[in-house]
Amino acid sequence: MMDKLEKISYEVKFESTADGGSINKMTSTYYTKGDIVLTEEEIKAGKEKALGMYKVVEAYLLQNPDAYA
């Protein structure tokens, strides 16, 4: 899929909740080369990869609470 894209931009927002948890929102923006249109399957695959990366970071931060403020 990278041969179809110039770049991908991810924006992640964390908002605290009253119970001490958080609500997390992630937006992915795909910048295609030329007039290329991504298929629904390609978008879904990209979303799954981004979510996988997010889960790895979340697991690390939960195991290492001193790594963030």
PDB file of N, CA and C in Angstrom:
ATOM      1  N   MET A   1       0.822  -1.192   0.000  1.00  0.00           N
ATOM      2  CA  MET A   1       0.000   0.000   0.000  1.00  0.00           C
ATOM      3  C   MET A   1       0.870   1.261   0.000  1.00  0.00           C
ATOM      4  N   MET A   2       2.086   1.190   0.521  1.00  0.00           N
ATOM      5  CA  MET A   2       2.918   2.390   0.613  1.00  0.00           C
ATOM      6  C   MET A   2       3.270   2.954  -0.762  1.00  0.00           C
ATOM      7  N   ASP A   3       3.209   2.131  -1.803  1.00  0.00           N
ATOM      8  CA  ASP A   3       3.471   2.653  -3.143  1.00  0.00           C
ATOM      9  C   ASP A   3       2.338   3.555  -3.632  1.00  0.00           C
ATOM     10  N   LYS A   4       1.197   3.548  -2.935  1.00  0.00           N
ATOM     11  CA  LYS A   4       0.059   4.391  -3.282  1.00  0.00           C
ATOM     12  C   LYS A   4      -0.008   5.662  -2.443  1.00  0.00           C
ATOM     13  N   LEU A   5       0.833   5.754  -1.415  1.00  0.00           N
ATOM     14  CA  LEU A   5       0.724   6.860  -0.462  1.00  0.00           C
ATOM     15  C   LEU A   5       1.959   7.740  -0.435  1.00  0.00           C
ATOM     16  N   GLU A   6       1.739   9.034  -0.277  1.00  0.00           N
ATOM     17  CA  GLU A   6       2.836   9.951  -0.002  1.00  0.00           C
ATOM     18  C   GLU A   6       3.192   9.889   1.470  1.00  0.00           C
ATOM     19  N   LYS A   7       2.129   9.908   2.311  1.00  0.00           N
ATOM     20  CA  LYS A   7       2.344   9.855   3.754  1.00  0.00           C
ATOM     21  C   LYS A   7       1.031   9.546   4.453  1.00  0.00           C
ATOM     22  N   ILE A   8       1.153   9.171   5.727  1.00  0.00           N
ATOM     23  CA  ILE A   8       0.000   8.975   6.596  1.00  0.00           C
ATOM     24  C   ILE A   8       0.240   9.828   7.834  1.00  0.00           C
ATOM     25  N   SER A   9      -0.770  10.543   8.250  1.00  0.00           N
ATOM     26  CA  SER A   9      -0.679  11.383   9.436  1.00  0.00           C
ATOM     27  C   SER A   9      -1.626  10.828  10.500  1.00  0.00           C
ATOM     28  N   TYR A  10      -1.105  10.653  11.733  1.00  0.00           N
ATOM     29  CA  TYR A  10      -1.924  10.170  12.843  1.00  0.00           C
ATOM     30  C   TYR A  10      -2.049  11.264  13.893  1.00  0.00           C
ATOM     31  N   GLU A  11      -3.251  11.486  14.361  1.00  0.00           N
ATOM     32  CA  GLU A  11      -3.484  12.416  15.462  1.00  0.00           C
ATOM     33  C   GLU A  11      -4.158  11.624  16.579  1.00  0.00           C
ATOM     34  N   VAL A  12      -3.543  11.629  17.763  1.00  0.00           N
ATOM     35  CA  VAL A  12      -4.081  10.890  18.902  1.00  0.00           C
ATOM     36  C   VAL A  12      -4.377  11.880  20.013  1.00  0.00           C
ATOM     37  N   LYS A  13      -5.595  11.802  20.560  1.00  0.00           N
ATOM     38  CA  LYS A  13      -6.000  12.681  21.660  1.00  0.00           C
ATOM     39  C   LYS A  13      -6.384  11.823  22.854  1.00  0.00           C
ATOM     40  N   PHE A  14      -5.925  12.231  24.027  1.00  0.00           N
ATOM     41  CA  PHE A  14      -6.269  11.578  25.281  1.00  0.00           C
ATOM     42  C   PHE A  14      -7.027  12.579  26.137  1.00  0.00           C
ATOM     43  N   GLU A  15      -8.204  12.186  26.599  1.00  0.00           N
ATOM     44  CA  GLU A  15      -8.996  13.053  27.474  1.00  0.00           C
ATOM     45  C   GLU A  15      -9.286  12.288  28.755  1.00  0.00           C
ATOM     46  N   SER A  16      -9.008  12.914  29.898  1.00  0.00           N
ATOM     47  CA  SER A  16      -9.263  12.245  31.171  1.00  0.00           C
ATOM     48  C   SER A  16     -10.756  12.209  31.459  1.00  0.00           C
ATOM     49  N   THR A  17     -11.157  11.187  32.208  1.00  0.00           N
ATOM     50  CA  THR A  17     -12.553  11.054  32.611  1.00  0.00           C
ATOM     51  C   THR A  17     -12.643  11.224  34.123  1.00  0.00           C
ATOM     52  N   ALA A  18     -13.828  11.469  34.613  1.00  0.00           N
ATOM     53  CA  ALA A  18     -14.040  11.729  36.040  1.00  0.00           C
ATOM     54  C   ALA A  18     -13.649  10.538  36.915  1.00  0.00           C
ATOM     55  N   ASP A  19     -13.714   9.320  36.362  1.00  0.00           N
ATOM     56  CA  ASP A  19     -13.396   8.132  37.163  1.00  0.00           C
ATOM     57  C   ASP A  19     -11.919   7.761  37.146  1.00  0.00           C
ATOM     58  N   GLY A  20     -11.075   8.631  36.603  1.00  0.00           N
ATOM     59  CA  GLY A  20      -9.635   8.391  36.580  1.00  0.00           C
ATOM     60  C   GLY A  20      -9.152   7.684  35.326  1.00  0.00           C
ATOM     61  N   GLY A  21     -10.045   7.340  34.442  1.00  0.00           N
ATOM     62  CA  GLY A  21      -9.681   6.694  33.185  1.00  0.00           C
ATOM     63  C   GLY A  21      -9.440   7.714  32.091  1.00  0.00           C
ATOM     64  N   SER A  22      -9.558   7.255  30.881  1.00  0.00           N
ATOM     65  CA  SER A  22      -9.373   8.179  29.761  1.00  0.00           C
ATOM     66  C   SER A  22     -10.191   7.737  28.559  1.00  0.00           C
ATOM     67  N   ILE A  23     -10.458   8.701  27.704  1.00  0.00           N
ATOM     68  CA  ILE A  23     -11.075   8.458  26.407  1.00  0.00           C
ATOM     69  C   ILE A  23     -10.011   8.812  25.375  1.00  0.00           C
ATOM     70  N   ASN A  24      -9.781   7.900  24.462  1.00  0.00           N
ATOM     71  CA  ASN A  24      -8.735   8.090  23.470  1.00  0.00           C
ATOM     72  C   ASN A  24      -9.354   8.133  22.082  1.00  0.00           C
ATOM     73  N   LYS A  25      -8.935   9.113  21.291  1.00  0.00           N
ATOM     74  CA  LYS A  25      -9.440   9.265  19.929  1.00  0.00           C
ATOM     75  C   LYS A  25      -8.258   9.314  18.985  1.00  0.00           C
ATOM     76  N   MET A  26      -8.351   8.540  17.900  1.00  0.00           N
ATOM     77  CA  MET A  26      -7.267   8.524  16.924  1.00  0.00           C
ATOM     78  C   MET A  26      -7.842   8.800  15.541  1.00  0.00           C
ATOM     79  N   THR A  27      -7.216   9.727  14.823  1.00  0.00           N
ATOM     80  CA  THR A  27      -7.608  10.066  13.471  1.00  0.00           C
ATOM     81  C   THR A  27      -6.429   9.800  12.548  1.00  0.00           C
ATOM     82  N   SER A  28      -6.676   9.087  11.471  1.00  0.00           N
ATOM     83  CA  SER A  28      -5.648   8.811  10.471  1.00  0.00           C
ATOM     84  C   SER A  28      -6.019   9.545   9.185  1.00  0.00           C
ATOM     85  N   THR A  29      -5.052  10.245   8.615  1.00  0.00           N
ATOM     86  CA  THR A  29      -5.260  10.939   7.352  1.00  0.00           C
ATOM     87  C   THR A  29      -4.287  10.370   6.329  1.00  0.00           C
ATOM     88  N   TYR A  30      -4.827   9.861   5.228  1.00  0.00           N
ATOM     89  CA  TYR A  30      -4.015   9.258   4.181  1.00  0.00           C
ATOM     90  C   TYR A  30      -3.846  10.253   3.041  1.00  0.00           C
ATOM     91  N   TYR A  31      -2.610  10.485   2.632  1.00  0.00           N
ATOM     92  CA  TYR A  31      -2.301  11.364   1.506  1.00  0.00           C
ATOM     93  C   TYR A  31      -1.826  10.481   0.360  1.00  0.00           C
ATOM     94  N   THR A  32      -2.680  10.315  -0.649  1.00  0.00           N
ATOM     95  CA  THR A  32      -2.372   9.422  -1.758  1.00  0.00           C
ATOM     96  C   THR A  32      -1.548  10.124  -2.831  1.00  0.00           C
ATOM     97  N   LYS A  33      -0.884   9.309  -3.620  1.00  0.00           N
ATOM     98  CA  LYS A  33      -0.131   9.817  -4.769  1.00  0.00           C
ATOM     99  C   LYS A  33      -1.091   9.998  -5.933  1.00  0.00           C
ATOM    100  N   GLY A  34      -1.100  11.174  -6.497  1.00  0.00           N
ATOM    101  CA  GLY A  34      -1.951  11.430  -7.657  1.00  0.00           C
ATOM    102  C   GLY A  34      -3.426  11.255  -7.348  1.00  0.00           C
ATOM    103  N   ASP A  35      -4.124  10.605  -8.258  1.00  0.00           N
ATOM    104  CA  ASP A  35      -5.568  10.404  -8.140  1.00  0.00           C
ATOM    105  C   ASP A  35      -5.929   9.014  -7.605  1.00  0.00           C
ATOM    106  N   ILE A  36      -4.997   8.366  -6.954  1.00  0.00           N
ATOM    107  CA  ILE A  36      -5.238   7.007  -6.462  1.00  0.00           C
ATOM    108  C   ILE A  36      -6.311   7.036  -5.378  1.00  0.00           C
ATOM    109  N   VAL A  37      -7.226   6.085  -5.442  1.00  0.00           N
ATOM    110  CA  VAL A  37      -8.280   5.940  -4.445  1.00  0.00           C
ATOM    111  C   VAL A  37      -8.037   4.627  -3.710  1.00  0.00           C
ATOM    112  N   LEU A  38      -8.001   4.691  -2.387  1.00  0.00           N
ATOM    113  CA  LEU A  38      -7.798   3.491  -1.592  1.00  0.00           C
ATOM    114  C   LEU A  38      -9.103   2.713  -1.472  1.00  0.00           C
ATOM    115  N   THR A  39      -8.976   1.393  -1.461  1.00  0.00           N
ATOM    116  CA  THR A  39     -10.160   0.550  -1.301  1.00  0.00           C
ATOM    117  C   THR A  39     -10.523   0.472   0.181  1.00  0.00           C
ATOM    118  N   GLU A  40     -11.729   0.041   0.445  1.00  0.00           N
ATOM    119  CA  GLU A  40     -12.197  -0.131   1.829  1.00  0.00           C
ATOM    120  C   GLU A  40     -11.314  -1.138   2.568  1.00  0.00           C
ATOM    121  N   GLU A  41     -10.870  -2.179   1.874  1.00  0.00           N
ATOM    122  CA  GLU A  41     -10.002  -3.185   2.478  1.00  0.00           C
ATOM    123  C   GLU A  41      -8.652  -2.589   2.873  1.00  0.00           C
ATOM    124  N   GLU A  42      -8.099  -1.724   2.035  1.00  0.00           N
ATOM    125  CA  GLU A  42      -6.822  -1.089   2.333  1.00  0.00           C
ATOM    126  C   GLU A  42      -6.948  -0.155   3.538  1.00  0.00           C
ATOM    127  N   ILE A  43      -8.034   0.571   3.602  1.00  0.00           N
ATOM    128  CA  ILE A  43      -8.261   1.468   4.735  1.00  0.00           C
ATOM    129  C   ILE A  43      -8.417   0.660   6.015  1.00  0.00           C
ATOM    130  N   LYS A  44      -9.157  -0.432   5.947  1.00  0.00           N
ATOM    131  CA  LYS A  44      -9.348  -1.293   7.118  1.00  0.00           C
ATOM    132  C   LYS A  44      -8.014  -1.877   7.582  1.00  0.00           C
ATOM    133  N   ALA A  45      -7.185  -2.325   6.659  1.00  0.00           N
ATOM    134  CA  ALA A  45      -5.871  -2.877   7.010  1.00  0.00           C
ATOM    135  C   ALA A  45      -4.997  -1.817   7.677  1.00  0.00           C
ATOM    136  N   GLY A  46      -5.033  -0.606   7.167  1.00  0.00           N
ATOM    137  CA  GLY A  46      -4.263   0.488   7.768  1.00  0.00           C
ATOM    138  C   GLY A  46      -4.748   0.804   9.169  1.00  0.00           C
ATOM    139  N   LYS A  47      -6.047   0.783   9.357  1.00  0.00           N
ATOM    140  CA  LYS A  47      -6.636   1.039  10.669  1.00  0.00           C
ATOM    141  C   LYS A  47      -6.209  -0.029  11.667  1.00  0.00           C
ATOM    142  N   GLU A  48      -6.210  -1.284  11.242  1.00  0.00           N
ATOM    143  CA  GLU A  48      -5.810  -2.374  12.122  1.00  0.00           C
ATOM    144  C   GLU A  48      -4.336  -2.269  12.518  1.00  0.00           C
ATOM    145  N   LYS A  49      -3.475  -1.864  11.587  1.00  0.00           N
ATOM    146  CA  LYS A  49      -2.055  -1.688  11.900  1.00  0.00           C
ATOM    147  C   LYS A  49      -1.865  -0.554  12.900  1.00  0.00           C
ATOM    148  N   ALA A  50      -2.563   0.552  12.699  1.00  0.00           N
ATOM    149  CA  ALA A  50      -2.454   1.687  13.624  1.00  0.00           C
ATOM    150  C   ALA A  50      -2.958   1.303  15.005  1.00  0.00           C
ATOM    151  N   LEU A  51      -4.053   0.564  15.069  1.00  0.00           N
ATOM    152  CA  LEU A  51      -4.599   0.125  16.343  1.00  0.00           C
ATOM    153  C   LEU A  51      -3.629  -0.826  17.039  1.00  0.00           C
ATOM    154  N   GLY A  52      -2.973  -1.683  16.284  1.00  0.00           N
ATOM    155  CA  GLY A  52      -1.968  -2.582  16.855  1.00  0.00           C
ATOM    156  C   GLY A  52      -0.823  -1.813  17.475  1.00  0.00           C
ATOM    157  N   MET A  53      -0.348  -0.768  16.790  1.00  0.00           N
ATOM    158  CA  MET A  53       0.723   0.066  17.317  1.00  0.00           C
ATOM    159  C   MET A  53       0.264   0.768  18.588  1.00  0.00           C
ATOM    160  N   TYR A  54      -0.949   1.245  18.593  1.00  0.00           N
ATOM    161  CA  TYR A  54      -1.513   1.937  19.744  1.00  0.00           C
ATOM    162  C   TYR A  54      -1.568   0.996  20.953  1.00  0.00           C
ATOM    163  N   LYS A  55      -1.978  -0.253  20.729  1.00  0.00           N
ATOM    164  CA  LYS A  55      -2.078  -1.222  21.819  1.00  0.00           C
ATOM    165  C   LYS A  55      -0.711  -1.569  22.402  1.00  0.00           C
ATOM    166  N   VAL A  56       0.311  -1.611  21.574  1.00  0.00           N
ATOM    167  CA  VAL A  56       1.668  -1.864  22.060  1.00  0.00           C
ATOM    168  C   VAL A  56       2.116  -0.723  22.967  1.00  0.00           C
ATOM    169  N   VAL A  57       1.882   0.504  22.546  1.00  0.00           N
ATOM    170  CA  VAL A  57       2.245   1.673  23.358  1.00  0.00           C
ATOM    171  C   VAL A  57       1.453   1.674  24.661  1.00  0.00           C
ATOM    172  N   GLU A  58       0.164   1.385  24.589  1.00  0.00           N
ATOM    173  CA  GLU A  58      -0.668   1.347  25.785  1.00  0.00           C
ATOM    174  C   GLU A  58      -0.153   0.305  26.783  1.00  0.00           C
ATOM    175  N   ALA A  59       0.186  -0.882  26.303  1.00  0.00           N
ATOM    176  CA  ALA A  59       0.689  -1.940  27.183  1.00  0.00           C
ATOM    177  C   ALA A  59       1.994  -1.509  27.846  1.00  0.00           C
ATOM    178  N   TYR A  60       2.879  -0.873  27.079  1.00  0.00           N
ATOM    179  CA  TYR A  60       4.142  -0.397  27.642  1.00  0.00           C
ATOM    180  C   TYR A  60       3.895   0.634  28.742  1.00  0.00           C
ATOM    181  N   LEU A  61       3.020   1.591  28.471  1.00  0.00           N
ATOM    182  CA  LEU A  61       2.758   2.640  29.455  1.00  0.00           C
ATOM    183  C   LEU A  61       2.084   2.099  30.711  1.00  0.00           C
ATOM    184  N   LEU A  62       1.227   1.103  30.549  1.00  0.00           N
ATOM    185  CA  LEU A  62       0.599   0.493  31.728  1.00  0.00           C
ATOM    186  C   LEU A  62       1.631  -0.245  32.584  1.00  0.00           C
ATOM    187  N   GLN A  63       2.619  -0.854  31.939  1.00  0.00           N
ATOM    188  CA  GLN A  63       3.666  -1.573  32.670  1.00  0.00           C
ATOM    189  C   GLN A  63       4.750  -0.644  33.201  1.00  0.00           C
ATOM    190  N   ASN A  64       4.834   0.559  32.668  1.00  0.00           N
ATOM    191  CA  ASN A  64       5.878   1.526  33.046  1.00  0.00           C
ATOM    192  C   ASN A  64       5.262   2.883  33.335  1.00  0.00           C
ATOM    193  N   PRO A  65       4.499   2.984  34.424  1.00  0.00           N
ATOM    194  CA  PRO A  65       3.800   4.245  34.707  1.00  0.00           C
ATOM    195  C   PRO A  65       4.723   5.436  34.947  1.00  0.00           C
ATOM    196  N   ASP A  66       5.977   5.186  35.239  1.00  0.00           N
ATOM    197  CA  ASP A  66       6.937   6.281  35.434  1.00  0.00           C
ATOM    198  C   ASP A  66       7.458   6.831  34.114  1.00  0.00           C
ATOM    199  N   ALA A  67       7.087   6.198  32.992  1.00  0.00           N
ATOM    200  CA  ALA A  67       7.578   6.632  31.679  1.00  0.00           C
ATOM    201  C   ALA A  67       6.832   7.837  31.141  1.00  0.00           C
ATOM    202  N   TYR A  68       5.759   8.235  31.801  1.00  0.00           N
ATOM    203  CA  TYR A  68       4.987   9.389  31.336  1.00  0.00           C
ATOM    204  C   TYR A  68       4.531  10.208  32.524  1.00  0.00           C
ATOM    205  N   ALA A  69       4.188  11.441  32.260  1.00  0.00           N
ATOM    206  CA  ALA A  69       3.781  12.339  33.348  1.00  0.00           C
ATOM    207  C   ALA A  69       2.284  12.489  33.387  1.00  0.00           C
TER     208      ALA A  69
END
